[in-house]
Amino acid sequence: MTMQLQVDEQIRRTIQVKIPGRLDIVSAPEVKEQLERYLAEGVTDFVIDLSETPFMDSAGLAVLVSLLRRCRNQGGTVKLVWPRSEHVQRTLTLTRFDQVFDIIGRESAG
C-alpha cells in the first residue's frame, strides 16, 4: 500500500502536509520516510493536517513524536490540524498528545 502525503503549501522552511489515509503500522514507515525527506531538504516547521485521517495507532503516534523531536532539535515546530475523526481525537486526547503538540482548529471541532 502506498500512502501519498498531500503537500498543501510550502513556504521557505515551513510545510503543510495532509495525511488523508490511515496512519498506522502499515503506513507509518512510509509516512516517516517521506517526512524525513522534507527534513533533509531543510524544512524545520511542519503543519500536519490530520483532518482527513480516519485512524491512527501507536505507530502513527511514534511518527509524530519522532518528527517533533527532530524538528525541536533544529529549532523548528510541529503543529497538528485537529482531526475530524473521533477515534483520532480520542487517541490524541488519551495519550495527552493534544497537550504536547500545538493544535490548530480544535475550538471549531466542537
PDB file of N, CA and C in Angstrom:
ATOM      1  N   MET A   1       0.841  -1.181   0.000  1.00  0.00           N
ATOM      2  CA  MET A   1       0.000   0.000   0.000  1.00  0.00           C
ATOM      3  C   MET A   1       0.883   1.240   0.000  1.00  0.00           C
ATOM      4  N   THR A   2       0.595   2.187  -0.839  1.00  0.00           N
ATOM      5  CA  THR A   2       1.366   3.411  -0.916  1.00  0.00           C
ATOM      6  C   THR A   2       0.560   4.562  -0.342  1.00  0.00           C
ATOM      7  N   MET A   3       1.131   5.238   0.630  1.00  0.00           N
ATOM      8  CA  MET A   3       0.489   6.389   1.253  1.00  0.00           C
ATOM      9  C   MET A   3       1.056   7.629   0.600  1.00  0.00           C
ATOM     10  N   GLN A   4       0.224   8.398  -0.057  1.00  0.00           N
ATOM     11  CA  GLN A   4       0.659   9.643  -0.661  1.00  0.00           C
ATOM     12  C   GLN A   4       0.303  10.793   0.257  1.00  0.00           C
ATOM     13  N   LEU A   5       1.313  11.470   0.758  1.00  0.00           N
ATOM     14  CA  LEU A   5       1.072  12.663   1.546  1.00  0.00           C
ATOM     15  C   LEU A   5       0.758  13.792   0.590  1.00  0.00           C
ATOM     16  N   GLN A   6      -0.136  14.653   0.990  1.00  0.00           N
ATOM     17  CA  GLN A   6      -0.528  15.775   0.146  1.00  0.00           C
ATOM     18  C   GLN A   6       0.094  17.039   0.713  1.00  0.00           C
ATOM     19  N   VAL A   7       0.972  17.662  -0.049  1.00  0.00           N
ATOM     20  CA  VAL A   7       1.581  18.915   0.374  1.00  0.00           C
ATOM     21  C   VAL A   7       0.634  20.035  -0.009  1.00  0.00           C
ATOM     22  N   ASP A   8       0.047  20.674   1.009  1.00  0.00           N
ATOM     23  CA  ASP A   8      -0.891  21.758   0.752  1.00  0.00           C
ATOM     24  C   ASP A   8      -0.165  23.065   0.468  1.00  0.00           C
ATOM     25  N   GLU A   9       0.969  23.254   1.144  1.00  0.00           N
ATOM     26  CA  GLU A   9       1.684  24.507   0.971  1.00  0.00           C
ATOM     27  C   GLU A   9       3.092  24.366   1.520  1.00  0.00           C
ATOM     28  N   GLN A  10       4.053  24.970   0.838  1.00  0.00           N
ATOM     29  CA  GLN A  10       5.412  25.027   1.368  1.00  0.00           C
ATOM     30  C   GLN A  10       5.942  26.429   1.155  1.00  0.00           C
ATOM     31  N   ILE A  11       6.314  27.063   2.246  1.00  0.00           N
ATOM     32  CA  ILE A  11       6.881  28.406   2.198  1.00  0.00           C
ATOM     33  C   ILE A  11       8.185  28.371   2.984  1.00  0.00           C
ATOM     34  N   ARG A  12       9.264  28.562   2.287  1.00  0.00           N
ATOM     35  CA  ARG A  12      10.609  28.530   2.868  1.00  0.00           C
ATOM     36  C   ARG A  12      10.825  27.249   3.652  1.00  0.00           C
ATOM     37  N   ARG A  13      10.970  27.363   4.968  1.00  0.00           N
ATOM     38  CA  ARG A  13      11.290  26.185   5.790  1.00  0.00           C
ATOM     39  C   ARG A  13      10.051  25.603   6.475  1.00  0.00           C
ATOM     40  N   THR A  14       8.876  26.033   6.034  1.00  0.00           N
ATOM     41  CA  THR A  14       7.617  25.565   6.617  1.00  0.00           C
ATOM     42  C   THR A  14       6.812  24.825   5.563  1.00  0.00           C
ATOM     43  N   ILE A  15       6.207  23.712   5.969  1.00  0.00           N
ATOM     44  CA  ILE A  15       5.409  22.922   5.034  1.00  0.00           C
ATOM     45  C   ILE A  15       4.134  22.448   5.730  1.00  0.00           C
ATOM     46  N   GLN A  16       3.033  22.459   4.986  1.00  0.00           N
ATOM     47  CA  GLN A  16       1.780  21.896   5.482  1.00  0.00           C
ATOM     48  C   GLN A  16       1.513  20.614   4.713  1.00  0.00           C
ATOM     49  N   VAL A  17       1.363  19.517   5.458  1.00  0.00           N
ATOM     50  CA  VAL A  17       1.200  18.194   4.863  1.00  0.00           C
ATOM     51  C   VAL A  17      -0.093  17.570   5.372  1.00  0.00           C
ATOM     52  N   LYS A  18      -0.922  17.116   4.444  1.00  0.00           N
ATOM     53  CA  LYS A  18      -2.169  16.437   4.805  1.00  0.00           C
ATOM     54  C   LYS A  18      -1.951  14.933   4.732  1.00  0.00           C
ATOM     55  N   ILE A  19      -2.421  14.219   5.753  1.00  0.00           N
ATOM     56  CA  ILE A  19      -2.371  12.755   5.764  1.00  0.00           C
ATOM     57  C   ILE A  19      -3.804  12.267   5.562  1.00  0.00           C
ATOM     58  N   PRO A  20      -4.167  11.940   4.322  1.00  0.00           N
ATOM     59  CA  PRO A  20      -5.563  11.643   4.001  1.00  0.00           C
ATOM     60  C   PRO A  20      -6.010  10.215   4.297  1.00  0.00           C
ATOM     61  N   GLY A  21      -5.099   9.365   4.715  1.00  0.00           N
ATOM     62  CA  GLY A  21      -5.453   7.971   4.987  1.00  0.00           C
ATOM     63  C   GLY A  21      -5.072   7.586   6.398  1.00  0.00           C
ATOM     64  N   ARG A  22      -5.158   6.301   6.671  1.00  0.00           N
ATOM     65  CA  ARG A  22      -4.815   5.766   7.987  1.00  0.00           C
ATOM     66  C   ARG A  22      -3.332   5.981   8.279  1.00  0.00           C
ATOM     67  N   LEU A  23      -3.033   6.338   9.509  1.00  0.00           N
ATOM     68  CA  LEU A  23      -1.650   6.466   9.959  1.00  0.00           C
ATOM     69  C   LEU A  23      -1.448   5.360  10.988  1.00  0.00           C
ATOM     70  N   ASP A  24      -1.017   4.203  10.480  1.00  0.00           N
ATOM     71  CA  ASP A  24      -0.951   3.012  11.322  1.00  0.00           C
ATOM     72  C   ASP A  24       0.316   2.217  11.032  1.00  0.00           C
ATOM     73  N   ILE A  25       0.389   1.039  11.594  1.00  0.00           N
ATOM     74  CA  ILE A  25       1.585   0.197  11.470  1.00  0.00           C
ATOM     75  C   ILE A  25       1.951  -0.087  10.018  1.00  0.00           C
ATOM     76  N   VAL A  26       0.964  -0.105   9.148  1.00  0.00           N
ATOM     77  CA  VAL A  26       1.214  -0.381   7.732  1.00  0.00           C
ATOM     78  C   VAL A  26       1.785   0.848   7.028  1.00  0.00           C
ATOM     79  N   SER A  27       1.189   2.013   7.264  1.00  0.00           N
ATOM     80  CA  SER A  27       1.585   3.216   6.530  1.00  0.00           C
ATOM     81  C   SER A  27       2.670   4.037   7.229  1.00  0.00           C
ATOM     82  N   ALA A  28       2.840   3.857   8.531  1.00  0.00           N
ATOM     83  CA  ALA A  28       3.760   4.706   9.299  1.00  0.00           C
ATOM     84  C   ALA A  28       5.195   4.732   8.762  1.00  0.00           C
ATOM     85  N   PRO A  29       5.794   3.587   8.404  1.00  0.00           N
ATOM     86  CA  PRO A  29       7.176   3.655   7.903  1.00  0.00           C
ATOM     87  C   PRO A  29       7.319   4.532   6.649  1.00  0.00           C
ATOM     88  N   GLU A  30       6.362   4.429   5.754  1.00  0.00           N
ATOM     89  CA  GLU A  30       6.426   5.231   4.529  1.00  0.00           C
ATOM     90  C   GLU A  30       6.184   6.712   4.819  1.00  0.00           C
ATOM     91  N   VAL A  31       5.240   7.008   5.695  1.00  0.00           N
ATOM     92  CA  VAL A  31       4.978   8.402   6.066  1.00  0.00           C
ATOM     93  C   VAL A  31       6.225   8.993   6.724  1.00  0.00           C
ATOM     94  N   LYS A  32       6.830   8.238   7.633  1.00  0.00           N
ATOM     95  CA  LYS A  32       8.042   8.711   8.306  1.00  0.00           C
ATOM     96  C   LYS A  32       9.152   8.984   7.296  1.00  0.00           C
ATOM     97  N   GLU A  33       9.313   8.095   6.342  1.00  0.00           N
ATOM     98  CA  GLU A  33      10.342   8.273   5.311  1.00  0.00           C
ATOM     99  C   GLU A  33      10.095   9.545   4.504  1.00  0.00           C
ATOM    100  N   GLN A  34       8.849   9.796   4.130  1.00  0.00           N
ATOM    101  CA  GLN A  34       8.534  10.997   3.358  1.00  0.00           C
ATOM    102  C   GLN A  34       8.778  12.263   4.179  1.00  0.00           C
ATOM    103  N   LEU A  35       8.383  12.241   5.454  1.00  0.00           N
ATOM    104  CA  LEU A  35       8.612  13.406   6.311  1.00  0.00           C
ATOM    105  C   LEU A  35      10.104  13.645   6.517  1.00  0.00           C
ATOM    106  N   GLU A  36      10.879  12.574   6.641  1.00  0.00           N
ATOM    107  CA  GLU A  36      12.328  12.717   6.799  1.00  0.00           C
ATOM    108  C   GLU A  36      12.978  13.313   5.554  1.00  0.00           C
ATOM    109  N   ARG A  37      12.401  13.049   4.386  1.00  0.00           N
ATOM    110  CA  ARG A  37      12.910  13.673   3.158  1.00  0.00           C
ATOM    111  C   ARG A  37      12.751  15.191   3.222  1.00  0.00           C
ATOM    112  N   TYR A  38      11.591  15.644   3.727  1.00  0.00           N
ATOM    113  CA  TYR A  38      11.387  17.094   3.871  1.00  0.00           C
ATOM    114  C   TYR A  38      12.396  17.682   4.856  1.00  0.00           C
ATOM    115  N   LEU A  39      12.647  16.970   5.951  1.00  0.00           N
ATOM    116  CA  LEU A  39      13.657  17.431   6.913  1.00  0.00           C
ATOM    117  C   LEU A  39      15.025  17.548   6.247  1.00  0.00           C
ATOM    118  N   ALA A  40      15.386  16.569   5.454  1.00  0.00           N
ATOM    119  CA  ALA A  40      16.676  16.575   4.754  1.00  0.00           C
ATOM    120  C   ALA A  40      16.778  17.729   3.762  1.00  0.00           C
ATOM    121  N   GLU A  41      15.624  18.181   3.255  1.00  0.00           N
ATOM    122  CA  GLU A  41      15.596  19.311   2.314  1.00  0.00           C
ATOM    123  C   GLU A  41      15.616  20.657   3.031  1.00  0.00           C
ATOM    124  N   GLY A  42      15.658  20.642   4.366  1.00  0.00           N
ATOM    125  CA  GLY A  42      15.760  21.886   5.118  1.00  0.00           C
ATOM    126  C   GLY A  42      14.479  22.377   5.752  1.00  0.00           C
ATOM    127  N   VAL A  43      13.399  21.635   5.622  1.00  0.00           N
ATOM    128  CA  VAL A  43      12.151  22.030   6.275  1.00  0.00           C
ATOM    129  C   VAL A  43      12.317  21.812   7.778  1.00  0.00           C
ATOM    130  N   THR A  44      11.941  22.813   8.575  1.00  0.00           N
ATOM    131  CA  THR A  44      12.044  22.687  10.033  1.00  0.00           C
ATOM    132  C   THR A  44      10.707  22.868  10.740  1.00  0.00           C
ATOM    133  N   ASP A  45       9.735  23.431  10.054  1.00  0.00           N
ATOM    134  CA  ASP A  45       8.428  23.689  10.661  1.00  0.00           C
ATOM    135  C   ASP A  45       7.354  22.971   9.861  1.00  0.00           C
ATOM    136  N   PHE A  46       6.580  22.146  10.556  1.00  0.00           N
ATOM    137  CA  PHE A  46       5.557  21.327   9.911  1.00  0.00           C
ATOM    138  C   PHE A  46       4.181  21.640  10.474  1.00  0.00           C
ATOM    139  N   VAL A  47       3.198  21.672   9.589  1.00  0.00           N
ATOM    140  CA  VAL A  47       1.790  21.636   9.977  1.00  0.00           C
ATOM    141  C   VAL A  47       1.277  20.317   9.416  1.00  0.00           C
ATOM    142  N   ILE A  48       0.952  19.382  10.306  1.00  0.00           N
ATOM    143  CA  ILE A  48       0.466  18.068   9.900  1.00  0.00           C
ATOM    144  C   ILE A  48      -1.053  18.087   9.998  1.00  0.00           C
ATOM    145  N   ASP A  49      -1.703  18.014   8.859  1.00  0.00           N
ATOM    146  CA  ASP A  49      -3.161  18.090   8.786  1.00  0.00           C
ATOM    147  C   ASP A  49      -3.748  16.695   8.960  1.00  0.00           C
ATOM    148  N   LEU A  50      -4.351  16.475  10.115  1.00  0.00           N
ATOM    149  CA  LEU A  50      -4.987  15.193  10.420  1.00  0.00           C
ATOM    150  C   LEU A  50      -6.498  15.249  10.211  1.00  0.00           C
ATOM    151  N   SER A  51      -6.988  16.316   9.585  1.00  0.00           N
ATOM    152  CA  SER A  51      -8.440  16.487   9.464  1.00  0.00           C
ATOM    153  C   SER A  51      -9.103  15.354   8.693  1.00  0.00           C
ATOM    154  N   GLU A  52      -8.376  14.726   7.785  1.00  0.00           N
ATOM    155  CA  GLU A  52      -8.948  13.638   6.989  1.00  0.00           C
ATOM    156  C   GLU A  52      -8.319  12.283   7.318  1.00  0.00           C
ATOM    157  N   THR A  53      -7.637  12.195   8.451  1.00  0.00           N
ATOM    158  CA  THR A  53      -7.029  10.936   8.884  1.00  0.00           C
ATOM    159  C   THR A  53      -8.068  10.164   9.693  1.00  0.00           C
ATOM    160  N   PRO A  54      -8.564   9.024   9.170  1.00  0.00           N
ATOM    161  CA  PRO A  54      -9.650   8.319   9.845  1.00  0.00           C
ATOM    162  C   PRO A  54      -9.207   7.446  11.013  1.00  0.00           C
ATOM    163  N   PHE A  55      -7.908   7.076  11.052  1.00  0.00           N
ATOM    164  CA  PHE A  55      -7.434   6.149  12.076  1.00  0.00           C
ATOM    165  C   PHE A  55      -5.958   6.383  12.327  1.00  0.00           C
ATOM    166  N   MET A  56      -5.565   6.281  13.603  1.00  0.00           N
ATOM    167  CA  MET A  56      -4.152   6.378  13.946  1.00  0.00           C
ATOM    168  C   MET A  56      -3.890   5.452  15.131  1.00  0.00           C
ATOM    169  N   ASP A  57      -2.810   4.669  15.033  1.00  0.00           N
ATOM    170  CA  ASP A  57      -2.429   3.784  16.131  1.00  0.00           C
ATOM    171  C   ASP A  57      -1.090   4.248  16.714  1.00  0.00           C
ATOM    172  N   SER A  58      -0.504   3.416  17.571  1.00  0.00           N
ATOM    173  CA  SER A  58       0.743   3.793  18.242  1.00  0.00           C
ATOM    174  C   SER A  58       1.892   4.013  17.263  1.00  0.00           C
ATOM    175  N   ALA A  59       1.889   3.313  16.145  1.00  0.00           N
ATOM    176  CA  ALA A  59       2.935   3.529  15.133  1.00  0.00           C
ATOM    177  C   ALA A  59       2.809   4.931  14.537  1.00  0.00           C
ATOM    178  N   GLY A  60       1.591   5.378  14.332  1.00  0.00           N
ATOM    179  CA  GLY A  60       1.359   6.738  13.843  1.00  0.00           C
ATOM    180  C   GLY A  60       1.789   7.778  14.861  1.00  0.00           C
ATOM    181  N   LEU A  61       1.469   7.520  16.130  1.00  0.00           N
ATOM    182  CA  LEU A  61       1.902   8.428  17.191  1.00  0.00           C
ATOM    183  C   LEU A  61       3.423   8.511  17.236  1.00  0.00           C
ATOM    184  N   ALA A  62       4.089   7.380  17.052  1.00  0.00           N
ATOM    185  CA  ALA A  62       5.554   7.351  17.069  1.00  0.00           C
ATOM    186  C   ALA A  62       6.141   8.207  15.950  1.00  0.00           C
ATOM    187  N   VAL A  63       5.509   8.201  14.786  1.00  0.00           N
ATOM    188  CA  VAL A  63       5.967   9.043  13.674  1.00  0.00           C
ATOM    189  C   VAL A  63       5.890  10.513  14.075  1.00  0.00           C
ATOM    190  N   LEU A  64       4.774  10.900  14.698  1.00  0.00           N
ATOM    191  CA  LEU A  64       4.601  12.298  15.096  1.00  0.00           C
ATOM    192  C   LEU A  64       5.613  12.711  16.164  1.00  0.00           C
ATOM    193  N   VAL A  65       5.863  11.839  17.134  1.00  0.00           N
ATOM    194  CA  VAL A  65       6.832  12.145  18.195  1.00  0.00           C
ATOM    195  C   VAL A  65       8.241  12.254  17.628  1.00  0.00           C
ATOM    196  N   SER A  66       8.591  11.352  16.734  1.00  0.00           N
ATOM    197  CA  SER A  66       9.908  11.387  16.104  1.00  0.00           C
ATOM    198  C   SER A  66      10.095  12.692  15.334  1.00  0.00           C
ATOM    199  N   LEU A  67       9.063  13.086  14.590  1.00  0.00           N
ATOM    200  CA  LEU A  67       9.129  14.337  13.832  1.00  0.00           C
ATOM    201  C   LEU A  67       9.276  15.524  14.776  1.00  0.00           C
ATOM    202  N   LEU A  68       8.492  15.542  15.847  1.00  0.00           N
ATOM    203  CA  LEU A  68       8.560  16.642  16.812  1.00  0.00           C
ATOM    204  C   LEU A  68       9.959  16.747  17.415  1.00  0.00           C
ATOM    205  N   ARG A  69      10.514  15.625  17.814  1.00  0.00           N
ATOM    206  CA  ARG A  69      11.853  15.610  18.421  1.00  0.00           C
ATOM    207  C   ARG A  69      12.894  16.166  17.443  1.00  0.00           C
ATOM    208  N   ARG A  70      12.846  15.688  16.209  1.00  0.00           N
ATOM    209  CA  ARG A  70      13.839  16.137  15.218  1.00  0.00           C
ATOM    210  C   ARG A  70      13.675  17.617  14.889  1.00  0.00           C
ATOM    211  N   CYS A  71      12.429  18.073  14.777  1.00  0.00           N
ATOM    212  CA  CYS A  71      12.202  19.493  14.485  1.00  0.00           C
ATOM    213  C   CYS A  71      12.683  20.374  15.628  1.00  0.00           C
ATOM    214  N   ARG A  72      12.368  19.984  16.850  1.00  0.00           N
ATOM    215  CA  ARG A  72      12.801  20.782  18.006  1.00  0.00           C
ATOM    216  C   ARG A  72      14.319  20.844  18.087  1.00  0.00           C
ATOM    217  N   ASN A  73      14.998  19.752  17.749  1.00  0.00           N
ATOM    218  CA  ASN A  73      16.465  19.747  17.750  1.00  0.00           C
ATOM    219  C   ASN A  73      17.032  20.734  16.742  1.00  0.00           C
ATOM    220  N   GLN A  74      16.256  21.056  15.705  1.00  0.00           N
ATOM    221  CA  GLN A  74      16.689  22.006  14.675  1.00  0.00           C
ATOM    222  C   GLN A  74      16.059  23.382  14.876  1.00  0.00           C
ATOM    223  N   GLY A  75      15.407  23.583  16.026  1.00  0.00           N
ATOM    224  CA  GLY A  75      14.786  24.871  16.311  1.00  0.00           C
ATOM    225  C   GLY A  75      13.443  25.055  15.631  1.00  0.00           C
ATOM    226  N   GLY A  76      12.829  23.966  15.193  1.00  0.00           N
ATOM    227  CA  GLY A  76      11.557  24.041  14.483  1.00  0.00           C
ATOM    228  C   GLY A  76      10.368  23.640  15.337  1.00  0.00           C
ATOM    229  N   THR A  77       9.215  23.550  14.679  1.00  0.00           N
ATOM    230  CA  THR A  77       7.972  23.229  15.369  1.00  0.00           C
ATOM    231  C   THR A  77       7.146  22.237  14.551  1.00  0.00           C
ATOM    232  N   VAL A  78       6.230  21.576  15.251  1.00  0.00           N
ATOM    233  CA  VAL A  78       5.238  20.725  14.596  1.00  0.00           C
ATOM    234  C   VAL A  78       3.881  21.104  15.166  1.00  0.00           C
ATOM    235  N   LYS A  79       2.966  21.470  14.290  1.00  0.00           N
ATOM    236  CA  LYS A  79       1.589  21.760  14.689  1.00  0.00           C
ATOM    237  C   LYS A  79       0.686  20.732  14.026  1.00  0.00           C
ATOM    238  N   LEU A  80      -0.384  20.371  14.717  1.00  0.00           N
ATOM    239  CA  LEU A  80      -1.343  19.411  14.182  1.00  0.00           C
ATOM    240  C   LEU A  80      -2.673  20.097  13.925  1.00  0.00           C
ATOM    241  N   VAL A  81      -3.259  19.830  12.755  1.00  0.00           N
ATOM    242  CA  VAL A  81      -4.631  20.256  12.496  1.00  0.00           C
ATOM    243  C   VAL A  81      -5.530  19.206  13.128  1.00  0.00           C
ATOM    244  N   TRP A  82      -6.442  19.657  13.987  1.00  0.00           N
ATOM    245  CA  TRP A  82      -7.303  18.762  14.758  1.00  0.00           C
ATOM    246  C   TRP A  82      -8.108  17.858  13.830  1.00  0.00           C
ATOM    247  N   PRO A  83      -8.117  16.557  14.109  1.00  0.00           N
ATOM    248  CA  PRO A  83      -8.815  15.601  13.239  1.00  0.00           C
ATOM    249  C   PRO A  83     -10.336  15.683  13.376  1.00  0.00           C
ATOM    250  N   ARG A  84     -11.031  15.329  12.303  1.00  0.00           N
ATOM    251  CA  ARG A  84     -12.495  15.199  12.350  1.00  0.00           C
ATOM    252  C   ARG A  84     -12.885  13.862  12.968  1.00  0.00           C
ATOM    253  N   SER A  85     -12.053  12.859  12.761  1.00  0.00           N
ATOM    254  CA  SER A  85     -12.326  11.512  13.258  1.00  0.00           C
ATOM    255  C   SER A  85     -12.322  11.486  14.788  1.00  0.00           C
ATOM    256  N   GLU A  86     -13.427  11.009  15.364  1.00  0.00           N
ATOM    257  CA  GLU A  86     -13.496  10.906  16.823  1.00  0.00           C
ATOM    258  C   GLU A  86     -12.450   9.926  17.349  1.00  0.00           C
ATOM    259  N   HIS A  87     -12.168   8.881  16.579  1.00  0.00           N
ATOM    260  CA  HIS A  87     -11.148   7.911  17.005  1.00  0.00           C
ATOM    261  C   HIS A  87      -9.788   8.593  17.151  1.00  0.00           C
ATOM    262  N   VAL A  88      -9.403   9.375  16.161  1.00  0.00           N
ATOM    263  CA  VAL A  88      -8.098  10.041  16.207  1.00  0.00           C
ATOM    264  C   VAL A  88      -8.100  11.111  17.303  1.00  0.00           C
ATOM    265  N   GLN A  89      -9.219  11.811  17.475  1.00  0.00           N
ATOM    266  CA  GLN A  89      -9.327  12.782  18.571  1.00  0.00           C
ATOM    267  C   GLN A  89      -9.098  12.095  19.913  1.00  0.00           C
ATOM    268  N   ARG A  90      -9.762  10.957  20.120  1.00  0.00           N
ATOM    269  CA  ARG A  90      -9.619  10.199  21.365  1.00  0.00           C
ATOM    270  C   ARG A  90      -8.177   9.731  21.569  1.00  0.00           C
ATOM    271  N   THR A  91      -7.566   9.248  20.490  1.00  0.00           N
ATOM    272  CA  THR A  91      -6.180   8.783  20.574  1.00  0.00           C
ATOM    273  C   THR A  91      -5.261   9.916  21.029  1.00  0.00           C
ATOM    274  N   LEU A  92      -5.420  11.087  20.445  1.00  0.00           N
ATOM    275  CA  LEU A  92      -4.583  12.227  20.821  1.00  0.00           C
ATOM    276  C   LEU A  92      -4.865  12.673  22.255  1.00  0.00           C
ATOM    277  N   THR A  93      -6.121  12.643  22.657  1.00  0.00           N
ATOM    278  CA  THR A  93      -6.501  13.090  24.000  1.00  0.00           C
ATOM    279  C   THR A  93      -6.053  12.107  25.075  1.00  0.00           C
ATOM    280  N   LEU A  94      -6.307  10.818  24.865  1.00  0.00           N
ATOM    281  CA  LEU A  94      -5.949   9.808  25.870  1.00  0.00           C
ATOM    282  C   LEU A  94      -4.443   9.716  26.095  1.00  0.00           C
ATOM    283  N   THR A  95      -3.676   9.947  25.050  1.00  0.00           N
ATOM    284  CA  THR A  95      -2.215   9.903  25.169  1.00  0.00           C
ATOM    285  C   THR A  95      -1.631  11.254  25.593  1.00  0.00           C
ATOM    286  N   ARG A  96      -2.499  12.241  25.711  1.00  0.00           N
ATOM    287  CA  ARG A  96      -2.129  13.621  26.060  1.00  0.00           C
ATOM    288  C   ARG A  96      -1.247  14.281  25.003  1.00  0.00           C
ATOM    289  N   PHE A  97      -1.266  13.724  23.823  1.00  0.00           N
ATOM    290  CA  PHE A  97      -0.531  14.346  22.722  1.00  0.00           C
ATOM    291  C   PHE A  97      -1.152  15.685  22.363  1.00  0.00           C
ATOM    292  N   ASP A  98      -2.424  15.863  22.687  1.00  0.00           N
ATOM    293  CA  ASP A  98      -3.073  17.141  22.418  1.00  0.00           C
ATOM    294  C   ASP A  98      -2.490  18.245  23.300  1.00  0.00           C
ATOM    295  N   GLN A  99      -1.733  17.866  24.337  1.00  0.00           N
ATOM    296  CA  GLN A  99      -1.062  18.845  25.192  1.00  0.00           C
ATOM    297  C   GLN A  99       0.414  18.999  24.827  1.00  0.00           C
ATOM    298  N   VAL A 100       0.947  18.029  24.098  1.00  0.00           N
ATOM    299  CA  VAL A 100       2.355  18.062  23.688  1.00  0.00           C
ATOM    300  C   VAL A 100       2.527  18.888  22.414  1.00  0.00           C
ATOM    301  N   PHE A 101       1.589  18.724  21.487  1.00  0.00           N
ATOM    302  CA  PHE A 101       1.651  19.411  20.200  1.00  0.00           C
ATOM    303  C   PHE A 101       0.796  20.669  20.224  1.00  0.00           C
ATOM    304  N   ASP A 102       1.206  21.671  19.440  1.00  0.00           N
ATOM    305  CA  ASP A 102       0.328  22.810  19.186  1.00  0.00           C
ATOM    306  C   ASP A 102      -0.789  22.315  18.281  1.00  0.00           C
ATOM    307  N   ILE A 103      -2.035  22.633  18.638  1.00  0.00           N
ATOM    308  CA  ILE A 103      -3.197  22.156  17.894  1.00  0.00           C
ATOM    309  C   ILE A 103      -3.866  23.330  17.196  1.00  0.00           C
ATOM    310  N   ILE A 104      -4.202  23.128  15.928  1.00  0.00           N
ATOM    311  CA  ILE A 104      -4.913  24.128  15.137  1.00  0.00           C
ATOM    312  C   ILE A 104      -6.340  23.634  14.913  1.00  0.00           C
ATOM    313  N   GLY A 105      -7.321  24.502  15.158  1.00  0.00           N
ATOM    314  CA  GLY A 105      -8.703  24.182  14.810  1.00  0.00           C
ATOM    315  C   GLY A 105      -9.462  23.338  15.805  1.00  0.00           C
ATOM    316  N   ARG A 106      -8.945  23.193  16.996  1.00  0.00           N
ATOM    317  CA  ARG A 106      -9.647  22.362  17.987  1.00  0.00           C
ATOM    318  C   ARG A 106     -10.946  23.016  18.440  1.00  0.00           C
ATOM    319  N   GLU A 107     -10.953  24.319  18.607  1.00  0.00           N
ATOM    320  CA  GLU A 107     -12.138  25.021  19.094  1.00  0.00           C
ATOM    321  C   GLU A 107     -13.334  24.806  18.180  1.00  0.00           C
ATOM    322  N   SER A 108     -13.074  24.794  16.875  1.00  0.00           N
ATOM    323  CA  SER A 108     -14.172  24.627  15.915  1.00  0.00           C
ATOM    324  C   SER A 108     -14.618  23.182  15.801  1.00  0.00           C
ATOM    325  N   ALA A 109     -13.878  22.270  16.444  1.00  0.00           N
ATOM    326  CA  ALA A 109     -14.236  20.854  16.362  1.00  0.00           C
ATOM    327  C   ALA A 109     -15.423  20.524  17.249  1.00  0.00           C
ATOM    328  N   GLY A 110     -15.777  21.456  18.120  1.00  0.00           N
ATOM    329  CA  GLY A 110     -16.956  21.256  18.935  1.00  0.00           C
ATOM    330  C   GLY A 110     -16.630  20.585  20.189  1.00  0.00           C
TER     331      GLY A 110
END
